[in-house]
Amino acid sequence: MLSRAVFEDIASDLLDRLLEPVQRVLDDVNMPPSAVDEIVLVGGSTRIPKVQEVISDFFGGKALNQSLNPDEAVAMGAAIQAALLAPRDAETGEEVADEKIKDLVLLDVTPLSLGLQTAGG
């Protein structure tokens, strides 16, 4: 069995680099951590207690908003973005976007160019 302490020790180099992209985003928008009103983490790794602790500490101990299911939030955002990017059927040219999302705009969509590395490069 792998204890939390052993896991955190093994993952310490990754945990140390966790704040680099967060700080880069804040620097890009010229915003101090204290100006962030709400913190919502999405994705599977955000369930790791040490990840939550590091992020919360960075933002001055601010409580994380955990009212969303991290996996559902990612899936919903991806589905909406896909529907917005491809509103027409490729074969028929018919509009397929649902009326409910036609006027929806996703803000703060994190591009891969943020510096996140994906499998294969």
PDB file of N, CA and C in Angstrom:
ATOM      1  N   MET A   1       0.839  -1.170   0.000  1.00  0.00           N
ATOM      2  CA  MET A   1       0.000   0.000   0.000  1.00  0.00           C
ATOM      3  C   MET A   1       0.889   1.240   0.000  1.00  0.00           C
ATOM      4  N   LEU A   2       0.426   2.248  -0.703  1.00  0.00           N
ATOM      5  CA  LEU A   2       1.144   3.502  -0.823  1.00  0.00           C
ATOM      6  C   LEU A   2       0.482   4.542   0.084  1.00  0.00           C
ATOM      7  N   SER A   3       1.226   5.027   1.040  1.00  0.00           N
ATOM      8  CA  SER A   3       0.655   6.025   1.946  1.00  0.00           C
ATOM      9  C   SER A   3       0.635   7.392   1.265  1.00  0.00           C
ATOM     10  N   ARG A   4      -0.174   8.286   1.794  1.00  0.00           N
ATOM     11  CA  ARG A   4      -0.244   9.644   1.244  1.00  0.00           C
ATOM     12  C   ARG A   4       1.127  10.315   1.316  1.00  0.00           C
ATOM     13  N   ALA A   5       1.828  10.135   2.424  1.00  0.00           N
ATOM     14  CA  ALA A   5       3.142  10.759   2.590  1.00  0.00           C
ATOM     15  C   ALA A   5       4.132  10.261   1.539  1.00  0.00           C
ATOM     16  N   VAL A   6       4.131   8.955   1.284  1.00  0.00           N
ATOM     17  CA  VAL A   6       5.032   8.386   0.279  1.00  0.00           C
ATOM     18  C   VAL A   6       4.643   8.903  -1.109  1.00  0.00           C
ATOM     19  N   PHE A   7       3.356   8.938  -1.408  1.00  0.00           N
ATOM     20  CA  PHE A   7       2.895   9.460  -2.699  1.00  0.00           C
ATOM     21  C   PHE A   7       3.336  10.912  -2.887  1.00  0.00           C
ATOM     22  N   GLU A   8       3.144  11.732  -1.858  1.00  0.00           N
ATOM     23  CA  GLU A   8       3.519  13.140  -1.951  1.00  0.00           C
ATOM     24  C   GLU A   8       5.019  13.297  -2.125  1.00  0.00           C
ATOM     25  N   ASP A   9       5.795  12.411  -1.489  1.00  0.00           N
ATOM     26  CA  ASP A   9       7.245  12.447  -1.654  1.00  0.00           C
ATOM     27  C   ASP A   9       7.634  12.074  -3.085  1.00  0.00           C
ATOM     28  N   ILE A  10       7.007  11.039  -3.614  1.00  0.00           N
ATOM     29  CA  ILE A  10       7.295  10.605  -4.986  1.00  0.00           C
ATOM     30  C   ILE A  10       6.908  11.691  -5.990  1.00  0.00           C
ATOM     31  N   ALA A  11       5.809  12.368  -5.735  1.00  0.00           N
ATOM     32  CA  ALA A  11       5.285  13.371  -6.660  1.00  0.00           C
ATOM     33  C   ALA A  11       5.771  14.784  -6.351  1.00  0.00           C
ATOM     34  N   SER A  12       6.704  14.928  -5.431  1.00  0.00           N
ATOM     35  CA  SER A  12       7.095  16.263  -4.971  1.00  0.00           C
ATOM     36  C   SER A  12       7.610  17.160  -6.090  1.00  0.00           C
ATOM     37  N   ASP A  13       8.347  16.595  -7.056  1.00  0.00           N
ATOM     38  CA  ASP A  13       8.846  17.447  -8.139  1.00  0.00           C
ATOM     39  C   ASP A  13       7.692  17.993  -8.989  1.00  0.00           C
ATOM     40  N   LEU A  14       6.665  17.200  -9.178  1.00  0.00           N
ATOM     41  CA  LEU A  14       5.495  17.668  -9.924  1.00  0.00           C
ATOM     42  C   LEU A  14       4.707  18.691  -9.111  1.00  0.00           C
ATOM     43  N   LEU A  15       4.565  18.429  -7.829  1.00  0.00           N
ATOM     44  CA  LEU A  15       3.855  19.363  -6.961  1.00  0.00           C
ATOM     45  C   LEU A  15       4.586  20.706  -6.888  1.00  0.00           C
ATOM     46  N   ASP A  16       5.928  20.662  -6.936  1.00  0.00           N
ATOM     47  CA  ASP A  16       6.716  21.894  -6.908  1.00  0.00           C
ATOM     48  C   ASP A  16       6.467  22.734  -8.170  1.00  0.00           C
ATOM     49  N   ARG A  17       6.210  22.072  -9.290  1.00  0.00           N
ATOM     50  CA  ARG A  17       5.994  22.786 -10.560  1.00  0.00           C
ATOM     51  C   ARG A  17       4.534  23.167 -10.773  1.00  0.00           C
ATOM     52  N   LEU A  18       3.686  22.765  -9.879  1.00  0.00           N
ATOM     53  CA  LEU A  18       2.247  22.984 -10.016  1.00  0.00           C
ATOM     54  C   LEU A  18       1.875  24.454 -10.160  1.00  0.00           C
ATOM     55  N   LEU A  19       2.548  25.301  -9.452  1.00  0.00           N
ATOM     56  CA  LEU A  19       2.174  26.711  -9.427  1.00  0.00           C
ATOM     57  C   LEU A  19       2.752  27.530 -10.577  1.00  0.00           C
ATOM     58  N   GLU A  20       3.679  26.965 -11.342  1.00  0.00           N
ATOM     59  CA  GLU A  20       4.284  27.717 -12.445  1.00  0.00           C
ATOM     60  C   GLU A  20       3.245  28.232 -13.444  1.00  0.00           C
ATOM     61  N   PRO A  21       2.373  27.367 -13.970  1.00  0.00           N
ATOM     62  CA  PRO A  21       1.373  27.893 -14.919  1.00  0.00           C
ATOM     63  C   PRO A  21       0.359  28.816 -14.264  1.00  0.00           C
ATOM     64  N   VAL A  22       0.051  28.581 -12.999  1.00  0.00           N
ATOM     65  CA  VAL A  22      -0.886  29.451 -12.283  1.00  0.00           C
ATOM     66  C   VAL A  22      -0.281  30.849 -12.171  1.00  0.00           C
ATOM     67  N   GLN A  23       0.976  30.920 -11.775  1.00  0.00           N
ATOM     68  CA  GLN A  23       1.654  32.211 -11.641  1.00  0.00           C
ATOM     69  C   GLN A  23       1.775  32.890 -13.009  1.00  0.00           C
ATOM     70  N   ARG A  24       2.041  32.114 -14.063  1.00  0.00           N
ATOM     71  CA  ARG A  24       2.168  32.671 -15.412  1.00  0.00           C
ATOM     72  C   ARG A  24       0.858  33.315 -15.858  1.00  0.00           C
ATOM     73  N   VAL A  25      -0.261  32.648 -15.580  1.00  0.00           N
ATOM     74  CA  VAL A  25      -1.568  33.207 -15.944  1.00  0.00           C
ATOM     75  C   VAL A  25      -1.806  34.511 -15.197  1.00  0.00           C
ATOM     76  N   LEU A  26      -1.533  34.517 -13.912  1.00  0.00           N
ATOM     77  CA  LEU A  26      -1.731  35.733 -13.122  1.00  0.00           C
ATOM     78  C   LEU A  26      -0.811  36.854 -13.603  1.00  0.00           C
ATOM     79  N   ASP A  27       0.427  36.516 -13.941  1.00  0.00           N
ATOM     80  CA  ASP A  27       1.350  37.514 -14.473  1.00  0.00           C
ATOM     81  C   ASP A  27       0.854  38.069 -15.804  1.00  0.00           C
ATOM     82  N   ASP A  28       0.330  37.188 -16.653  1.00  0.00           N
ATOM     83  CA  ASP A  28      -0.155  37.608 -17.976  1.00  0.00           C
ATOM     84  C   ASP A  28      -1.291  38.619 -17.876  1.00  0.00           C
ATOM     85  N   VAL A  29      -2.122  38.486 -16.856  1.00  0.00           N
ATOM     86  CA  VAL A  29      -3.249  39.405 -16.687  1.00  0.00           C
ATOM     87  C   VAL A  29      -2.966  40.466 -15.620  1.00  0.00           C
ATOM     88  N   ASN A  30      -1.713  40.480 -15.148  1.00  0.00           N
ATOM     89  CA  ASN A  30      -1.284  41.470 -14.162  1.00  0.00           C
ATOM     90  C   ASN A  30      -2.218  41.501 -12.942  1.00  0.00           C
ATOM     91  N   MET A  31      -2.406  40.318 -12.371  1.00  0.00           N
ATOM     92  CA  MET A  31      -3.336  40.180 -11.253  1.00  0.00           C
ATOM     93  C   MET A  31      -2.653  39.446 -10.101  1.00  0.00           C
ATOM     94  N   PRO A  32      -2.737  39.990  -8.907  1.00  0.00           N
ATOM     95  CA  PRO A  32      -2.176  39.278  -7.758  1.00  0.00           C
ATOM     96  C   PRO A  32      -3.122  38.154  -7.318  1.00  0.00           C
ATOM     97  N   PRO A  33      -2.605  37.130  -6.668  1.00  0.00           N
ATOM     98  CA  PRO A  33      -3.469  36.037  -6.200  1.00  0.00           C
ATOM     99  C   PRO A  33      -4.625  36.525  -5.321  1.00  0.00           C
ATOM    100  N   SER A  34      -4.416  37.585  -4.584  1.00  0.00           N
ATOM    101  CA  SER A  34      -5.468  38.101  -3.696  1.00  0.00           C
ATOM    102  C   SER A  34      -6.669  38.653  -4.456  1.00  0.00           C
ATOM    103  N   ALA A  35      -6.503  38.944  -5.749  1.00  0.00           N
ATOM    104  CA  ALA A  35      -7.600  39.497  -6.552  1.00  0.00           C
ATOM    105  C   ALA A  35      -8.520  38.414  -7.118  1.00  0.00           C
ATOM    106  N   VAL A  36      -8.161  37.158  -6.935  1.00  0.00           N
ATOM    107  CA  VAL A  36      -8.981  36.052  -7.434  1.00  0.00           C
ATOM    108  C   VAL A  36     -10.129  35.826  -6.451  1.00  0.00           C
ATOM    109  N   ASP A  37     -11.357  35.891  -6.979  1.00  0.00           N
ATOM    110  CA  ASP A  37     -12.542  35.759  -6.128  1.00  0.00           C
ATOM    111  C   ASP A  37     -12.901  34.314  -5.816  1.00  0.00           C
ATOM    112  N   GLU A  38     -12.733  33.440  -6.803  1.00  0.00           N
ATOM    113  CA  GLU A  38     -13.182  32.066  -6.616  1.00  0.00           C
ATOM    114  C   GLU A  38     -12.224  31.123  -7.328  1.00  0.00           C
ATOM    115  N   ILE A  39     -11.985  29.981  -6.720  1.00  0.00           N
ATOM    116  CA  ILE A  39     -11.076  28.985  -7.290  1.00  0.00           C
ATOM    117  C   ILE A  39     -11.859  27.707  -7.533  1.00  0.00           C
ATOM    118  N   VAL A  40     -11.925  27.306  -8.788  1.00  0.00           N
ATOM    119  CA  VAL A  40     -12.606  26.076  -9.175  1.00  0.00           C
ATOM    120  C   VAL A  40     -11.576  25.199  -9.877  1.00  0.00           C
ATOM    121  N   LEU A  41     -11.329  24.032  -9.359  1.00  0.00           N
ATOM    122  CA  LEU A  41     -10.392  23.091  -9.962  1.00  0.00           C
ATOM    123  C   LEU A  41     -11.184  22.013 -10.691  1.00  0.00           C
ATOM    124  N   VAL A  42     -10.760  21.691 -11.910  1.00  0.00           N
ATOM    125  CA  VAL A  42     -11.424  20.639 -12.665  1.00  0.00           C
ATOM    126  C   VAL A  42     -10.391  19.665 -13.206  1.00  0.00           C
ATOM    127  N   GLY A  43     -10.802  18.432 -13.398  1.00  0.00           N
ATOM    128  CA  GLY A  43      -9.904  17.388 -13.870  1.00  0.00           C
ATOM    129  C   GLY A  43      -9.572  16.433 -12.738  1.00  0.00           C
ATOM    130  N   GLY A  44      -9.167  15.249 -13.095  1.00  0.00           N
ATOM    131  CA  GLY A  44      -8.955  14.178 -12.130  1.00  0.00           C
ATOM    132  C   GLY A  44      -7.919  14.452 -11.065  1.00  0.00           C
ATOM    133  N   SER A  45      -6.792  15.063 -11.440  1.00  0.00           N
ATOM    134  CA  SER A  45      -5.713  15.288 -10.475  1.00  0.00           C
ATOM    135  C   SER A  45      -6.075  16.314  -9.418  1.00  0.00           C
ATOM    136  N   THR A  46      -7.110  17.085  -9.673  1.00  0.00           N
ATOM    137  CA  THR A  46      -7.493  18.101  -8.692  1.00  0.00           C
ATOM    138  C   THR A  46      -8.134  17.490  -7.456  1.00  0.00           C
ATOM    139  N   ARG A  47      -8.365  16.193  -7.482  1.00  0.00           N
ATOM    140  CA  ARG A  47      -8.890  15.500  -6.299  1.00  0.00           C
ATOM    141  C   ARG A  47      -7.784  15.152  -5.305  1.00  0.00           C
ATOM    142  N   ILE A  48      -6.547  15.272  -5.724  1.00  0.00           N
ATOM    143  CA  ILE A  48      -5.424  14.947  -4.846  1.00  0.00           C
ATOM    144  C   ILE A  48      -5.349  16.007  -3.744  1.00  0.00           C
ATOM    145  N   PRO A  49      -5.439  15.591  -2.490  1.00  0.00           N
ATOM    146  CA  PRO A  49      -5.449  16.561  -1.384  1.00  0.00           C
ATOM    147  C   PRO A  49      -4.268  17.532  -1.405  1.00  0.00           C
ATOM    148  N   LYS A  50      -3.090  17.059  -1.746  1.00  0.00           N
ATOM    149  CA  LYS A  50      -1.914  17.941  -1.751  1.00  0.00           C
ATOM    150  C   LYS A  50      -2.034  18.990  -2.858  1.00  0.00           C
ATOM    151  N   VAL A  51      -2.608  18.649  -3.985  1.00  0.00           N
ATOM    152  CA  VAL A  51      -2.830  19.619  -5.056  1.00  0.00           C
ATOM    153  C   VAL A  51      -3.770  20.710  -4.540  1.00  0.00           C
ATOM    154  N   GLN A  52      -4.837  20.305  -3.893  1.00  0.00           N
ATOM    155  CA  GLN A  52      -5.793  21.265  -3.338  1.00  0.00           C
ATOM    156  C   GLN A  52      -5.118  22.160  -2.298  1.00  0.00           C
ATOM    157  N   GLU A  53      -4.301  21.562  -1.464  1.00  0.00           N
ATOM    158  CA  GLU A  53      -3.607  22.317  -0.415  1.00  0.00           C
ATOM    159  C   GLU A  53      -2.647  23.345  -1.007  1.00  0.00           C
ATOM    160  N   VAL A  54      -1.858  22.926  -1.997  1.00  0.00           N
ATOM    161  CA  VAL A  54      -0.880  23.827  -2.624  1.00  0.00           C
ATOM    162  C   VAL A  54      -1.587  25.011  -3.284  1.00  0.00           C
ATOM    163  N   ILE A  55      -2.667  24.739  -4.004  1.00  0.00           N
ATOM    164  CA  ILE A  55      -3.408  25.810  -4.677  1.00  0.00           C
ATOM    165  C   ILE A  55      -4.054  26.740  -3.646  1.00  0.00           C
ATOM    166  N   SER A  56      -4.699  26.176  -2.654  1.00  0.00           N
ATOM    167  CA  SER A  56      -5.337  26.990  -1.628  1.00  0.00           C
ATOM    168  C   SER A  56      -4.312  27.874  -0.911  1.00  0.00           C
ATOM    169  N   ASP A  57      -3.170  27.300  -0.551  1.00  0.00           N
ATOM    170  CA  ASP A  57      -2.118  28.060   0.118  1.00  0.00           C
ATOM    171  C   ASP A  57      -1.607  29.198  -0.763  1.00  0.00           C
ATOM    172  N   PHE A  58      -1.448  28.935  -2.047  1.00  0.00           N
ATOM    173  CA  PHE A  58      -0.969  29.958  -2.976  1.00  0.00           C
ATOM    174  C   PHE A  58      -1.910  31.165  -2.991  1.00  0.00           C
ATOM    175  N   PHE A  59      -3.195  30.887  -2.870  1.00  0.00           N
ATOM    176  CA  PHE A  59      -4.194  31.952  -2.876  1.00  0.00           C
ATOM    177  C   PHE A  59      -4.551  32.400  -1.453  1.00  0.00           C
ATOM    178  N   GLY A  60      -3.594  32.308  -0.553  1.00  0.00           N
ATOM    179  CA  GLY A  60      -3.769  32.829   0.797  1.00  0.00           C
ATOM    180  C   GLY A  60      -4.700  32.016   1.672  1.00  0.00           C
ATOM    181  N   GLY A  61      -4.815  30.728   1.410  1.00  0.00           N
ATOM    182  CA  GLY A  61      -5.676  29.874   2.219  1.00  0.00           C
ATOM    183  C   GLY A  61      -7.139  29.938   1.827  1.00  0.00           C
ATOM    184  N   LYS A  62      -7.413  30.567   0.688  1.00  0.00           N
ATOM    185  CA  LYS A  62      -8.798  30.690   0.216  1.00  0.00           C
ATOM    186  C   LYS A  62      -9.392  29.300  -0.011  1.00  0.00           C
ATOM    187  N   ALA A  63     -10.629  29.114   0.411  1.00  0.00           N
ATOM    188  CA  ALA A  63     -11.312  27.829   0.232  1.00  0.00           C
ATOM    189  C   ALA A  63     -11.602  27.606  -1.246  1.00  0.00           C
ATOM    190  N   LEU A  64     -11.445  26.374  -1.674  1.00  0.00           N
ATOM    191  CA  LEU A  64     -11.735  26.010  -3.061  1.00  0.00           C
ATOM    192  C   LEU A  64     -13.229  25.764  -3.222  1.00  0.00           C
ATOM    193  N   ASN A  65     -13.770  26.176  -4.349  1.00  0.00           N
ATOM    194  CA  ASN A  65     -15.169  25.888  -4.651  1.00  0.00           C
ATOM    195  C   ASN A  65     -15.228  24.441  -5.134  1.00  0.00           C
ATOM    196  N   GLN A  66     -15.860  23.593  -4.360  1.00  0.00           N
ATOM    197  CA  GLN A  66     -15.932  22.177  -4.715  1.00  0.00           C
ATOM    198  C   GLN A  66     -17.363  21.754  -5.022  1.00  0.00           C
ATOM    199  N   SER A  67     -18.157  22.712  -5.501  1.00  0.00           N
ATOM    200  CA  SER A  67     -19.557  22.416  -5.793  1.00  0.00           C
ATOM    201  C   SER A  67     -19.743  21.720  -7.136  1.00  0.00           C
ATOM    202  N   LEU A  68     -18.689  21.688  -7.963  1.00  0.00           N
ATOM    203  CA  LEU A  68     -18.777  21.039  -9.272  1.00  0.00           C
ATOM    204  C   LEU A  68     -18.078  19.692  -9.245  1.00  0.00           C
ATOM    205  N   ASN A  69     -18.588  18.750 -10.020  1.00  0.00           N
ATOM    206  CA  ASN A  69     -17.875  17.499 -10.235  1.00  0.00           C
ATOM    207  C   ASN A  69     -16.782  17.804 -11.253  1.00  0.00           C
ATOM    208  N   PRO A  70     -15.498  17.627 -10.901  1.00  0.00           N
ATOM    209  CA  PRO A  70     -14.407  18.006 -11.809  1.00  0.00           C
ATOM    210  C   PRO A  70     -14.456  17.312 -13.162  1.00  0.00           C
ATOM    211  N   ASP A  71     -14.851  16.055 -13.193  1.00  0.00           N
ATOM    212  CA  ASP A  71     -14.908  15.329 -14.460  1.00  0.00           C
ATOM    213  C   ASP A  71     -16.071  15.815 -15.321  1.00  0.00           C
ATOM    214  N   GLU A  72     -17.201  16.050 -14.693  1.00  0.00           N
ATOM    215  CA  GLU A  72     -18.366  16.530 -15.442  1.00  0.00           C
ATOM    216  C   GLU A  72     -18.119  17.924 -15.995  1.00  0.00           C
ATOM    217  N   ALA A  73     -17.433  18.770 -15.254  1.00  0.00           N
ATOM    218  CA  ALA A  73     -17.154  20.127 -15.715  1.00  0.00           C
ATOM    219  C   ALA A  73     -16.278  20.105 -16.966  1.00  0.00           C
ATOM    220  N   VAL A  74     -15.264  19.250 -16.975  1.00  0.00           N
ATOM    221  CA  VAL A  74     -14.390  19.126 -18.143  1.00  0.00           C
ATOM    222  C   VAL A  74     -15.172  18.589 -19.335  1.00  0.00           C
ATOM    223  N   ALA A  75     -15.940  17.540 -19.111  1.00  0.00           N
ATOM    224  CA  ALA A  75     -16.712  16.936 -20.205  1.00  0.00           C
ATOM    225  C   ALA A  75     -17.750  17.908 -20.761  1.00  0.00           C
ATOM    226  N   MET A  76     -18.429  18.622 -19.890  1.00  0.00           N
ATOM    227  CA  MET A  76     -19.445  19.578 -20.343  1.00  0.00           C
ATOM    228  C   MET A  76     -18.801  20.701 -21.146  1.00  0.00           C
ATOM    229  N   GLY A  77     -17.708  21.240 -20.659  1.00  0.00           N
ATOM    230  CA  GLY A  77     -17.017  22.301 -21.389  1.00  0.00           C
ATOM    231  C   GLY A  77     -16.531  21.839 -22.746  1.00  0.00           C
ATOM    232  N   ALA A  78     -15.988  20.626 -22.817  1.00  0.00           N
ATOM    233  CA  ALA A  78     -15.511  20.090 -24.092  1.00  0.00           C
ATOM    234  C   ALA A  78     -16.667  19.871 -25.065  1.00  0.00           C
ATOM    235  N   ALA A  79     -17.770  19.366 -24.573  1.00  0.00           N
ATOM    236  CA  ALA A  79     -18.933  19.129 -25.435  1.00  0.00           C
ATOM    237  C   ALA A  79     -19.500  20.443 -25.969  1.00  0.00           C
ATOM    238  N   ILE A  80     -19.602  21.438 -25.115  1.00  0.00           N
ATOM    239  CA  ILE A  80     -20.115  22.743 -25.557  1.00  0.00           C
ATOM    240  C   ILE A  80     -19.157  23.371 -26.560  1.00  0.00           C
ATOM    241  N   GLN A  81     -17.863  23.316 -26.284  1.00  0.00           N
ATOM    242  CA  GLN A  81     -16.886  23.891 -27.201  1.00  0.00           C
ATOM    243  C   GLN A  81     -16.936  23.192 -28.554  1.00  0.00           C
ATOM    244  N   ALA A  82     -17.060  21.879 -28.558  1.00  0.00           N
ATOM    245  CA  ALA A  82     -17.151  21.137 -29.816  1.00  0.00           C
ATOM    246  C   ALA A  82     -18.396  21.540 -30.595  1.00  0.00           C
ATOM    247  N   ALA A  83     -19.512  21.676 -29.918  1.00  0.00           N
ATOM    248  CA  ALA A  83     -20.754  22.068 -30.583  1.00  0.00           C
ATOM    249  C   ALA A  83     -20.657  23.479 -31.157  1.00  0.00           C
ATOM    250  N   LEU A  84     -19.967  24.354 -30.452  1.00  0.00           N
ATOM    251  CA  LEU A  84     -19.809  25.724 -30.939  1.00  0.00           C
ATOM    252  C   LEU A  84     -18.840  25.806 -32.115  1.00  0.00           C
ATOM    253  N   LEU A  85     -17.827  24.950 -32.114  1.00  0.00           N
ATOM    254  CA  LEU A  85     -16.836  24.966 -33.189  1.00  0.00           C
ATOM    255  C   LEU A  85     -17.349  24.298 -34.463  1.00  0.00           C
ATOM    256  N   ALA A  86     -18.271  23.382 -34.318  1.00  0.00           N
ATOM    257  CA  ALA A  86     -18.793  22.654 -35.481  1.00  0.00           C
ATOM    258  C   ALA A  86     -20.313  22.713 -35.488  1.00  0.00           C
ATOM    259  N   PRO A  87     -20.892  23.901 -35.759  1.00  0.00           N
ATOM    260  CA  PRO A  87     -22.343  24.040 -35.674  1.00  0.00           C
ATOM    261  C   PRO A  87     -23.104  23.445 -36.854  1.00  0.00           C
ATOM    262  N   ARG A  88     -22.389  22.947 -37.864  1.00  0.00           N
ATOM    263  CA  ARG A  88     -23.063  22.392 -39.048  1.00  0.00           C
ATOM    264  C   ARG A  88     -22.603  20.968 -39.313  1.00  0.00           C
ATOM    265  N   ASP A  89     -23.513  20.161 -39.804  1.00  0.00           N
ATOM    266  CA  ASP A  89     -23.211  18.790 -40.200  1.00  0.00           C
ATOM    267  C   ASP A  89     -22.245  18.835 -41.383  1.00  0.00           C
ATOM    268  N   ALA A  90     -21.154  18.095 -41.307  1.00  0.00           N
ATOM    269  CA  ALA A  90     -20.128  18.124 -42.345  1.00  0.00           C
ATOM    270  C   ALA A  90     -20.649  17.649 -43.707  1.00  0.00           C
ATOM    271  N   GLU A  91     -21.581  16.716 -43.698  1.00  0.00           N
ATOM    272  CA  GLU A  91     -22.089  16.169 -44.962  1.00  0.00           C
ATOM    273  C   GLU A  91     -23.228  16.995 -45.547  1.00  0.00           C
ATOM    274  N   THR A  92     -24.178  17.363 -44.731  1.00  0.00           N
ATOM    275  CA  THR A  92     -25.377  18.034 -45.243  1.00  0.00           C
ATOM    276  C   THR A  92     -25.308  19.553 -45.161  1.00  0.00           C
ATOM    277  N   GLY A  93     -24.441  20.057 -44.319  1.00  0.00           N
ATOM    278  CA  GLY A  93     -24.366  21.498 -44.131  1.00  0.00           C
ATOM    279  C   GLY A  93     -25.470  22.044 -43.247  1.00  0.00           C
ATOM    280  N   GLU A  94     -26.340  21.160 -42.762  1.00  0.00           N
ATOM    281  CA  GLU A  94     -27.433  21.586 -41.890  1.00  0.00           C
ATOM    282  C   GLU A  94     -26.902  22.042 -40.536  1.00  0.00           C
ATOM    283  N   GLU A  95     -27.545  23.055 -40.003  1.00  0.00           N
ATOM    284  CA  GLU A  95     -27.167  23.530 -38.684  1.00  0.00           C
ATOM    285  C   GLU A  95     -27.609  22.495 -37.649  1.00  0.00           C
ATOM    286  N   VAL A  96     -26.685  22.107 -36.783  1.00  0.00           N
ATOM    287  CA  VAL A  96     -26.990  21.089 -35.778  1.00  0.00           C
ATOM    288  C   VAL A  96     -26.847  21.604 -34.353  1.00  0.00           C
ATOM    289  N   ALA A  97     -26.421  22.841 -34.216  1.00  0.00           N
ATOM    290  CA  ALA A  97     -26.259  23.398 -32.867  1.00  0.00           C
ATOM    291  C   ALA A  97     -27.614  23.505 -32.192  1.00  0.00           C
ATOM    292  N   ASP A  98     -27.685  23.059 -30.980  1.00  0.00           N
ATOM    293  CA  ASP A  98     -28.910  23.122 -30.190  1.00  0.00           C
ATOM    294  C   ASP A  98     -29.230  24.571 -29.864  1.00  0.00           C
ATOM    295  N   GLU A  99     -30.498  24.908 -29.900  1.00  0.00           N
ATOM    296  CA  GLU A  99     -30.942  26.270 -29.591  1.00  0.00           C
ATOM    297  C   GLU A  99     -30.447  26.726 -28.220  1.00  0.00           C
ATOM    298  N   LYS A 100     -30.288  25.782 -27.306  1.00  0.00           N
ATOM    299  CA  LYS A 100     -29.888  26.126 -25.943  1.00  0.00           C
ATOM    300  C   LYS A 100     -28.463  26.659 -25.862  1.00  0.00           C
ATOM    301  N   ILE A 101     -27.634  26.307 -26.842  1.00  0.00           N
ATOM    302  CA  ILE A 101     -26.236  26.751 -26.767  1.00  0.00           C
ATOM    303  C   ILE A 101     -25.865  27.733 -27.865  1.00  0.00           C
ATOM    304  N   LYS A 102     -26.789  28.075 -28.746  1.00  0.00           N
ATOM    305  CA  LYS A 102     -26.471  28.956 -29.868  1.00  0.00           C
ATOM    306  C   LYS A 102     -25.808  30.259 -29.434  1.00  0.00           C
ATOM    307  N   ASP A 103     -26.287  30.853 -28.378  1.00  0.00           N
ATOM    308  CA  ASP A 103     -25.763  32.137 -27.941  1.00  0.00           C
ATOM    309  C   ASP A 103     -24.783  32.012 -26.777  1.00  0.00           C
ATOM    310  N   LEU A 104     -24.390  30.785 -26.482  1.00  0.00           N
ATOM    311  CA  LEU A 104     -23.479  30.539 -25.374  1.00  0.00           C
ATOM    312  C   LEU A 104     -22.049  30.848 -25.792  1.00  0.00           C
ATOM    313  N   VAL A 105     -21.311  31.482 -24.919  1.00  0.00           N
ATOM    314  CA  VAL A 105     -19.910  31.786 -25.163  1.00  0.00           C
ATOM    315  C   VAL A 105     -19.119  31.242 -23.990  1.00  0.00           C
ATOM    316  N   LEU A 106     -18.125  30.422 -24.277  1.00  0.00           N
ATOM    317  CA  LEU A 106     -17.269  29.911 -23.215  1.00  0.00           C
ATOM    318  C   LEU A 106     -16.128  30.891 -22.999  1.00  0.00           C
ATOM    319  N   LEU A 107     -15.961  31.310 -21.772  1.00  0.00           N
ATOM    320  CA  LEU A 107     -14.878  32.209 -21.410  1.00  0.00           C
ATOM    321  C   LEU A 107     -13.838  31.434 -20.624  1.00  0.00           C
ATOM    322  N   ASP A 108     -12.635  31.901 -20.668  1.00  0.00           N
ATOM    323  CA  ASP A 108     -11.540  31.313 -19.899  1.00  0.00           C
ATOM    324  C   ASP A 108     -11.293  29.852 -20.270  1.00  0.00           C
ATOM    325  N   VAL A 109     -11.400  29.544 -21.569  1.00  0.00           N
ATOM    326  CA  VAL A 109     -11.058  28.210 -22.041  1.00  0.00           C
ATOM    327  C   VAL A 109      -9.546  28.137 -22.068  1.00  0.00           C
ATOM    328  N   THR A 110      -8.971  27.170 -21.377  1.00  0.00           N
ATOM    329  CA  THR A 110      -7.521  27.064 -21.271  1.00  0.00           C
ATOM    330  C   THR A 110      -6.957  26.357 -22.493  1.00  0.00           C
ATOM    331  N   PRO A 111      -6.171  27.062 -23.290  1.00  0.00           N
ATOM    332  CA  PRO A 111      -5.574  26.427 -24.461  1.00  0.00           C
ATOM    333  C   PRO A 111      -4.385  25.561 -24.050  1.00  0.00           C
ATOM    334  N   LEU A 112      -4.049  24.601 -24.887  1.00  0.00           N
ATOM    335  CA  LEU A 112      -2.866  23.781 -24.593  1.00  0.00           C
ATOM    336  C   LEU A 112      -1.611  24.632 -24.613  1.00  0.00           C
ATOM    337  N   SER A 113      -1.650  25.778 -25.270  1.00  0.00           N
ATOM    338  CA  SER A 113      -0.484  26.648 -25.334  1.00  0.00           C
ATOM    339  C   SER A 113      -0.128  27.255 -23.977  1.00  0.00           C
ATOM    340  N   LEU A 114      -0.966  27.023 -22.975  1.00  0.00           N
ATOM    341  CA  LEU A 114      -0.689  27.526 -21.637  1.00  0.00           C
ATOM    342  C   LEU A 114       0.598  26.918 -21.090  1.00  0.00           C
ATOM    343  N   GLY A 115       1.027  25.828 -21.677  1.00  0.00           N
ATOM    344  CA  GLY A 115       2.241  25.206 -21.214  1.00  0.00           C
ATOM    345  C   GLY A 115       2.004  23.830 -20.645  1.00  0.00           C
ATOM    346  N   LEU A 116       0.827  23.296 -20.865  1.00  0.00           N
ATOM    347  CA  LEU A 116       0.526  21.955 -20.398  1.00  0.00           C
ATOM    348  C   LEU A 116       1.068  20.960 -21.411  1.00  0.00           C
ATOM    349  N   GLN A 117       1.693  19.926 -20.939  1.00  0.00           N
ATOM    350  CA  GLN A 117       2.228  18.927 -21.839  1.00  0.00           C
ATOM    351  C   GLN A 117       1.268  17.764 -21.935  1.00  0.00           C
ATOM    352  N   THR A 118       1.050  17.313 -23.167  1.00  0.00           N
ATOM    353  CA  THR A 118       0.160  16.176 -23.381  1.00  0.00           C
ATOM    354  C   THR A 118       0.985  14.965 -23.785  1.00  0.00           C
ATOM    355  N   ALA A 119       0.404  13.790 -23.695  1.00  0.00           N
ATOM    356  CA  ALA A 119       1.102  12.564 -24.078  1.00  0.00           C
ATOM    357  C   ALA A 119       1.546  12.677 -25.541  1.00  0.00           C
ATOM    358  N   GLY A 120       2.764  12.338 -25.800  1.00  0.00           N
ATOM    359  CA  GLY A 120       3.277  12.413 -27.159  1.00  0.00           C
ATOM    360  C   GLY A 120       3.847  13.777 -27.499  1.00  0.00           C
ATOM    361  N   GLY A 121       3.930  14.680 -26.542  1.00  0.00           N
ATOM    362  CA  GLY A 121       4.552  15.976 -26.802  1.00  0.00           C
ATOM    363  C   GLY A 121       3.624  17.087 -26.665  1.00  0.00           C
TER     364      GLY A 121
END
